[in-house]
Amino acid sequence: MSRRFFSCRTITPRSTNRFMNLVCPHCRIALDRVFCCPNCARCYPAEYGIVDFAEGAYYDQFDDTTSLTPEHREGLQLEVEGTRRRILDFYLPKLPPGARVLDCGCGNGVSIDLLIEHGFDAWGNDLSQLRKWQWREREHRDRLVVASALSLPFADDFFDVVISSGVIEHIGVEETAIPRYAVKPRPDRDELRAQFMRELLRVGKTIYIDCPNGAFPIDFWHSDAPGSARRHSLREGFLPTFREIRALAPDAHVEALSPYKRLQFKQAAQHWYGRVLGKPAEWYFRFMPRVVAKSAFNPFLIVRVARSKMQ
């Protein structure tokens, strides 16, 4: 592989030194100044200051010649406000001041700009060509890496907190959107999800995982249209339950939190049930005890995983 470093912008002091913070996802050896591994000789390209560890294995296909539909562009714009609510309203108050934070599966990367703006040492990763294209607009794109959540380019214990929103349910499954949304588990689903949890616990001390609750019979997040309701079998094998997430980290302290302020029903409000149920649900979440938060009476899981001191 070529050892050239491609960059389309002036390198700031932060990005000049950041090679010290990145490791080879295969060897976990610190990379040199052109993002090459001194052990296995793999070199990772960088454009616009964004280092790409995917080695071509993206989960989507996108380049500058790809045309986005108006509906797709509208969805991407809605994501921006959703990211702001997710970070500012829910996660920001839970983070220790000045913590080093990874948003694993950060999507549009807006979260990283927000966290850095509020004094956190923030990084983000995603395994998408579309996201890499979006990241060119981010102020701190040098803190964004194209990398799999199953093999992160960060050293052990690098982060105080790892946030992973809407990622775990997509691991180990096959999804299709045509002619209608459908999903089925792969034979290696459990193995891949266990690897995902091990990787998050390797790089972070405290982990927040959020996703729709597989024990709840209605899914408002994966369907034919944003915010629409999809009934699903409790044996579908797609959305995890609290018990399944807890089983992935048997030696850690695992607890469920209420999704109060994490769910704000903005997209669901486009439908009659979102307008009718939005306010009652807000009060329900506000006073939800943790025993209910991990049960089938909660549509959306927020799971906090803290490593034991012996790990």
Protein backbone atom coordinates (compact mmCIF):
# COMPACT_ATOMS: atom_id res chain seq x y z
CA MET A 1 0.00 0.00 0.00
CA SER A 2 1.14 3.53 -0.63
CA ARG A 3 2.55 5.44 2.33
CA ARG A 4 1.40 8.79 0.96
CA PHE A 5 -0.88 10.89 3.11
CA PHE A 6 -3.61 12.59 1.07
CA SER A 7 -5.10 15.70 2.59
CA CYS A 8 -7.26 18.41 1.09
CA ARG A 9 -6.89 20.99 3.84
CA THR A 10 -4.30 22.70 5.99
CA ILE A 11 -3.36 20.49 8.94
CA THR A 12 -4.01 22.10 12.30
CA PRO A 13 -1.82 21.44 15.36
CA ARG A 14 -4.47 19.06 16.69
CA SER A 15 -4.60 16.94 13.52
CA THR A 16 -0.78 17.02 13.16
CA ASN A 17 -0.41 15.26 16.51
CA ARG A 18 -3.43 12.99 16.40
CA PHE A 19 -1.50 10.08 14.90
CA MET A 20 -0.39 9.54 18.52
CA ASN A 21 -4.02 8.78 19.42
CA LEU A 22 -4.73 6.24 16.67
CA VAL A 23 -3.69 2.59 16.55
CA CYS A 24 -3.82 -0.07 13.88
CA PRO A 25 -7.16 -1.87 14.34
CA HIS A 26 -5.44 -5.17 13.47
CA CYS A 27 -2.29 -4.91 15.61
CA ARG A 28 -3.28 -2.18 18.10
CA ILE A 29 0.11 -0.61 17.56
CA ALA A 30 0.40 3.19 17.43
CA LEU A 31 0.49 4.50 13.86
CA ASP A 32 3.24 6.68 12.48
CA ARG A 33 2.82 10.19 11.10
CA VAL A 34 1.39 9.02 7.77
CA PHE A 35 -1.05 6.60 9.47
CA CYS A 36 0.94 3.46 8.73
CA CYS A 37 1.41 0.56 11.13
CA PRO A 38 5.08 -0.18 11.93
CA ASN A 39 4.14 -3.80 12.69
CA CYS A 40 1.98 -5.03 9.77
CA ALA A 41 2.87 -2.22 7.29
CA ARG A 42 -0.80 -1.43 6.58
CA CYS A 43 -1.31 2.20 5.64
CA TYR A 44 -4.62 4.00 6.05
CA PRO A 45 -5.52 6.84 3.65
CA ALA A 46 -6.81 10.21 4.77
CA GLU A 47 -8.79 12.79 2.85
CA TYR A 48 -10.01 16.10 4.25
CA GLY A 49 -8.25 15.10 7.47
CA ILE A 50 -10.48 11.99 7.87
CA VAL A 51 -8.57 8.72 8.30
CA ASP A 52 -10.20 5.71 6.64
CA PHE A 53 -9.67 2.31 8.33
CA ALA A 54 -12.42 0.52 6.38
CA GLU A 55 -10.10 -1.03 3.75
CA GLY A 56 -13.01 -0.85 1.33
CA ALA A 57 -15.47 -2.76 3.57
CA TYR A 58 -18.15 -0.07 3.92
CA TYR A 59 -21.76 -0.93 4.69
CA ASP A 60 -22.94 1.39 1.90
CA GLN A 61 -21.73 2.83 -1.39
CA PHE A 62 -21.41 6.54 -2.05
CA ASP A 63 -19.17 8.98 -3.88
CA ASP A 64 -19.34 12.53 -5.26
CA THR A 65 -21.25 11.35 -8.32
CA THR A 66 -24.06 9.74 -6.30
CA SER A 67 -27.39 11.57 -6.47
CA LEU A 68 -29.50 11.83 -3.32
CA THR A 69 -33.27 11.94 -3.62
CA PRO A 70 -35.14 14.90 -2.06
CA GLU A 71 -36.55 12.46 0.51
CA HIS A 72 -33.06 11.28 1.42
CA ARG A 73 -31.79 14.84 1.78
CA GLU A 74 -34.77 15.69 3.99
CA GLY A 75 -34.02 12.67 6.16
CA LEU A 76 -30.39 13.70 6.54
CA GLN A 77 -31.47 17.19 7.59
CA LEU A 78 -33.86 15.77 10.19
CA GLU A 79 -30.94 13.77 11.56
CA VAL A 80 -29.09 16.97 12.45
CA GLU A 81 -31.78 18.14 14.86
CA GLY A 82 -32.12 14.60 16.20
CA THR A 83 -28.40 14.51 16.96
CA ARG A 84 -28.57 17.84 18.78
CA ARG A 85 -31.42 16.59 20.97
CA ARG A 86 -29.65 13.29 21.64
CA ILE A 87 -26.44 14.95 22.79
CA LEU A 88 -27.52 18.23 24.37
CA ASP A 89 -30.74 17.10 26.06
CA PHE A 90 -29.85 13.58 27.12
CA TYR A 91 -26.17 12.64 27.15
CA LEU A 92 -24.44 15.92 27.94
CA PRO A 93 -25.72 16.07 31.57
CA LYS A 94 -24.49 12.50 32.15
CA LEU A 95 -20.89 13.06 31.10
CA PRO A 96 -18.09 13.91 33.58
CA PRO A 97 -16.64 17.37 32.88
CA GLY A 98 -13.86 17.26 30.32
CA ALA A 99 -14.27 13.52 29.68
CA ARG A 100 -12.82 11.82 26.63
CA VAL A 101 -15.85 10.51 24.74
CA LEU A 102 -16.37 8.26 21.74
CA ASP A 103 -19.63 8.41 19.79
CA CYS A 104 -19.50 4.96 18.21
CA GLY A 105 -21.60 4.94 15.07
CA CYS A 106 -21.78 8.73 15.10
CA GLY A 107 -23.58 9.05 11.76
CA ASN A 108 -23.46 12.64 10.53
CA GLY A 109 -20.68 13.58 13.00
CA VAL A 110 -22.55 16.60 14.40
CA SER A 111 -22.23 15.09 17.88
CA ILE A 112 -18.46 15.51 17.83
CA ASP A 113 -18.64 19.24 17.09
CA LEU A 114 -21.23 19.64 19.86
CA LEU A 115 -19.21 17.72 22.45
CA ILE A 116 -15.97 19.55 21.67
CA GLU A 117 -17.84 22.86 21.81
CA HIS A 118 -18.89 21.94 25.36
CA GLY A 119 -15.38 21.11 26.53
CA PHE A 120 -15.16 17.34 25.91
CA ASP A 121 -12.35 15.47 24.17
CA ALA A 122 -14.61 13.83 21.59
CA TRP A 123 -14.09 11.33 18.79
CA GLY A 124 -16.47 9.55 16.43
CA ASN A 125 -16.47 6.60 14.07
CA ASP A 126 -18.75 5.16 11.41
CA LEU A 127 -18.29 2.62 8.60
CA SER A 128 -20.04 4.54 5.85
CA GLN A 129 -18.96 6.18 2.62
CA LEU A 130 -21.95 8.52 2.83
CA ARG A 131 -20.95 9.66 6.30
CA LYS A 132 -17.36 10.27 5.21
CA TRP A 133 -18.74 12.57 2.53
CA GLN A 134 -20.96 14.34 5.10
CA TRP A 135 -18.06 14.80 7.49
CA ARG A 136 -16.36 17.26 5.15
CA GLU A 137 -18.79 19.82 6.58
CA ARG A 138 -17.82 19.15 10.20
CA GLU A 139 -15.59 21.63 12.01
CA HIS A 140 -13.68 18.87 13.82
CA ARG A 141 -13.56 16.30 11.05
CA ASP A 142 -10.04 15.35 12.12
CA ARG A 143 -11.70 13.64 15.11
CA LEU A 144 -13.81 11.42 12.85
CA VAL A 145 -12.56 8.06 11.58
CA VAL A 146 -14.08 5.59 9.15
CA ALA A 147 -13.87 2.38 11.15
CA SER A 148 -15.87 -0.66 12.18
CA ALA A 149 -17.31 -0.78 15.69
CA LEU A 150 -15.98 -4.35 15.83
CA SER A 151 -12.37 -3.21 15.43
CA LEU A 152 -11.74 0.32 16.64
CA PRO A 153 -8.47 2.21 15.97
CA PHE A 154 -8.05 3.29 19.59
CA ALA A 155 -5.90 1.98 22.43
CA ASP A 156 -7.24 0.12 25.45
CA ASP A 157 -8.93 2.40 28.03
CA PHE A 158 -8.64 5.39 25.70
CA PHE A 159 -12.10 6.73 26.53
CA ASP A 160 -13.86 7.62 29.75
CA VAL A 161 -17.27 7.18 28.11
CA VAL A 162 -18.49 5.51 24.95
CA ILE A 163 -21.93 6.36 23.53
CA SER A 164 -23.46 4.07 20.92
CA SER A 165 -26.90 5.02 19.63
CA GLY A 166 -28.87 2.84 17.24
CA VAL A 167 -25.96 0.57 16.33
CA ILE A 168 -26.24 -2.76 18.16
CA GLU A 169 -29.52 -3.76 16.50
CA HIS A 170 -27.89 -3.53 13.04
CA ILE A 171 -25.05 -5.89 13.96
CA GLY A 172 -25.47 -9.47 12.80
CA VAL A 173 -28.64 -8.96 10.76
CA GLU A 174 -29.55 -8.52 7.11
CA GLU A 175 -31.94 -5.67 6.25
CA THR A 176 -33.77 -4.83 3.04
CA ALA A 177 -36.00 -1.86 2.19
CA ILE A 178 -37.54 -3.06 -1.09
CA PRO A 179 -40.40 -3.68 -1.60
CA ARG A 180 -40.96 -3.16 2.15
CA TYR A 181 -38.71 -3.04 5.17
CA ALA A 182 -37.64 -6.52 6.27
CA VAL A 183 -34.93 -7.92 8.53
CA LYS A 184 -33.59 -11.33 9.49
CA PRO A 185 -30.76 -12.42 11.83
CA ARG A 186 -27.55 -13.93 10.52
CA PRO A 187 -26.23 -17.19 11.99
CA ASP A 188 -23.31 -15.31 13.59
CA ARG A 189 -25.46 -12.54 15.10
CA ASP A 190 -24.70 -13.37 18.73
CA GLU A 191 -20.99 -13.76 18.11
CA LEU A 192 -20.79 -10.39 16.34
CA ARG A 193 -22.77 -8.59 19.04
CA ALA A 194 -20.55 -10.09 21.73
CA GLN A 195 -17.50 -8.86 19.79
CA PHE A 196 -19.08 -5.40 19.59
CA MET A 197 -19.57 -5.27 23.35
CA ARG A 198 -16.04 -6.51 24.04
CA GLU A 199 -14.63 -3.82 21.77
CA LEU A 200 -16.58 -1.03 23.47
CA LEU A 201 -15.47 -2.28 26.90
CA ARG A 202 -11.90 -2.52 25.68
CA VAL A 203 -11.67 1.16 24.75
CA GLY A 204 -14.09 2.66 27.29
CA LYS A 205 -14.77 2.52 31.02
CA THR A 206 -18.46 3.41 30.89
CA ILE A 207 -20.68 2.53 27.94
CA TYR A 208 -24.12 3.85 26.98
CA ILE A 209 -26.02 1.75 24.44
CA ASP A 210 -29.43 2.87 23.22
CA CYS A 211 -31.77 1.16 20.80
CA PRO A 212 -35.41 0.17 20.38
CA ASN A 213 -36.48 -2.50 22.86
CA GLY A 214 -36.93 -5.94 21.32
CA ALA A 215 -39.31 -6.89 24.15
CA PHE A 216 -41.72 -4.12 23.08
CA PRO A 217 -44.00 -5.31 20.25
CA ILE A 218 -43.94 -2.10 18.19
CA ASP A 219 -40.89 -0.59 16.49
CA PHE A 220 -41.16 3.12 15.65
CA TRP A 221 -37.64 3.41 14.18
CA HIS A 222 -37.32 0.77 11.45
CA SER A 223 -40.13 0.69 8.94
CA ASP A 224 -41.21 1.89 5.51
CA ALA A 225 -41.39 5.57 6.56
CA PRO A 226 -39.73 7.67 9.33
CA GLY A 227 -41.68 7.57 12.59
CA SER A 228 -44.19 5.01 11.38
CA ALA A 229 -45.09 2.01 13.54
CA ARG A 230 -43.98 -1.51 12.66
CA ARG A 231 -45.34 -4.48 14.53
CA HIS A 232 -42.79 -7.22 15.00
CA SER A 233 -42.53 -10.66 16.50
CA LEU A 234 -40.76 -10.88 19.84
CA ARG A 235 -38.75 -13.72 18.26
CA GLU A 236 -37.74 -11.65 15.23
CA GLY A 237 -34.08 -11.63 16.30
CA PHE A 238 -33.44 -8.01 15.34
CA LEU A 239 -33.96 -5.62 18.27
CA PRO A 240 -32.18 -6.70 21.46
CA THR A 241 -33.81 -6.89 24.87
CA PHE A 242 -32.28 -5.68 28.11
CA ARG A 243 -31.61 -9.28 29.11
CA GLU A 244 -29.74 -9.92 25.86
CA ILE A 245 -27.58 -6.83 26.26
CA ARG A 246 -26.82 -7.71 29.87
CA ALA A 247 -25.74 -11.20 28.77
CA LEU A 248 -23.14 -9.63 26.47
CA ALA A 249 -21.33 -8.11 29.47
CA PRO A 250 -21.61 -10.71 32.27
CA ASP A 251 -18.76 -9.24 34.33
CA ALA A 252 -19.92 -5.61 34.16
CA HIS A 253 -22.50 -3.62 36.05
CA VAL A 254 -25.46 -3.19 33.69
CA GLU A 255 -28.54 -1.06 34.31
CA ALA A 256 -31.39 0.40 32.29
CA LEU A 257 -32.28 4.09 32.32
CA SER A 258 -35.49 5.82 31.36
CA PRO A 259 -35.48 7.30 27.83
CA TYR A 260 -36.83 10.60 29.21
CA LYS A 261 -35.46 13.41 26.98
CA ARG A 262 -33.85 10.82 24.71
CA LEU A 263 -37.23 10.24 23.04
CA GLN A 264 -39.04 13.41 22.03
CA PHE A 265 -41.44 12.06 19.36
CA LYS A 266 -40.46 14.65 16.73
CA GLN A 267 -40.77 12.28 13.77
CA ALA A 268 -43.64 10.30 15.30
CA ALA A 269 -45.54 13.60 15.60
CA GLN A 270 -46.08 13.38 11.84
CA HIS A 271 -48.56 10.58 12.63
CA TRP A 272 -51.76 10.78 14.66
CA TYR A 273 -50.50 8.41 17.36
CA GLY A 274 -47.40 10.54 17.86
CA ARG A 275 -49.48 13.66 18.38
CA VAL A 276 -51.91 11.88 20.71
CA LEU A 277 -49.39 9.91 22.75
CA GLY A 278 -46.44 12.31 22.78
CA LYS A 279 -47.25 14.29 25.91
CA PRO A 280 -48.51 11.33 28.01
CA ALA A 281 -45.42 9.35 27.00
CA GLU A 282 -43.17 12.23 28.08
CA TRP A 283 -44.66 12.12 31.58
CA TYR A 284 -44.52 8.33 31.61
CA PHE A 285 -40.79 8.39 30.82
CA ARG A 286 -40.12 11.21 33.28
CA PHE A 287 -41.25 9.12 36.24
CA MET A 288 -40.30 5.68 34.92
CA PRO A 289 -38.53 3.54 37.55
CA ARG A 290 -35.52 1.51 36.43
CA VAL A 291 -37.32 -1.78 36.93
CA VAL A 292 -39.77 -0.66 34.24
CA ALA A 293 -37.03 0.81 32.04
CA LYS A 294 -35.62 -2.68 31.42
CA SER A 295 -39.01 -4.30 30.89
CA ALA A 296 -41.36 -4.83 27.95
CA PHE A 297 -43.27 -1.71 29.06
CA ASN A 298 -40.51 0.54 27.72
CA PRO A 299 -40.26 0.99 23.91
CA PHE A 300 -36.68 2.27 23.88
CA LEU A 301 -33.72 0.97 25.87
CA ILE A 302 -30.97 3.11 27.39
CA VAL A 303 -28.43 0.70 28.88
CA ARG A 304 -25.49 1.83 30.97
CA VAL A 305 -22.61 -0.65 31.18
CA ALA A 306 -19.79 0.02 33.64
CA ARG A 307 -16.71 -2.15 33.78
CA SER A 308 -15.94 -3.74 37.11
CA LYS A 309 -12.74 -2.61 38.80
CA MET A 310 -11.29 -6.10 38.31
CA GLN A 311 -11.56 -5.92 34.51
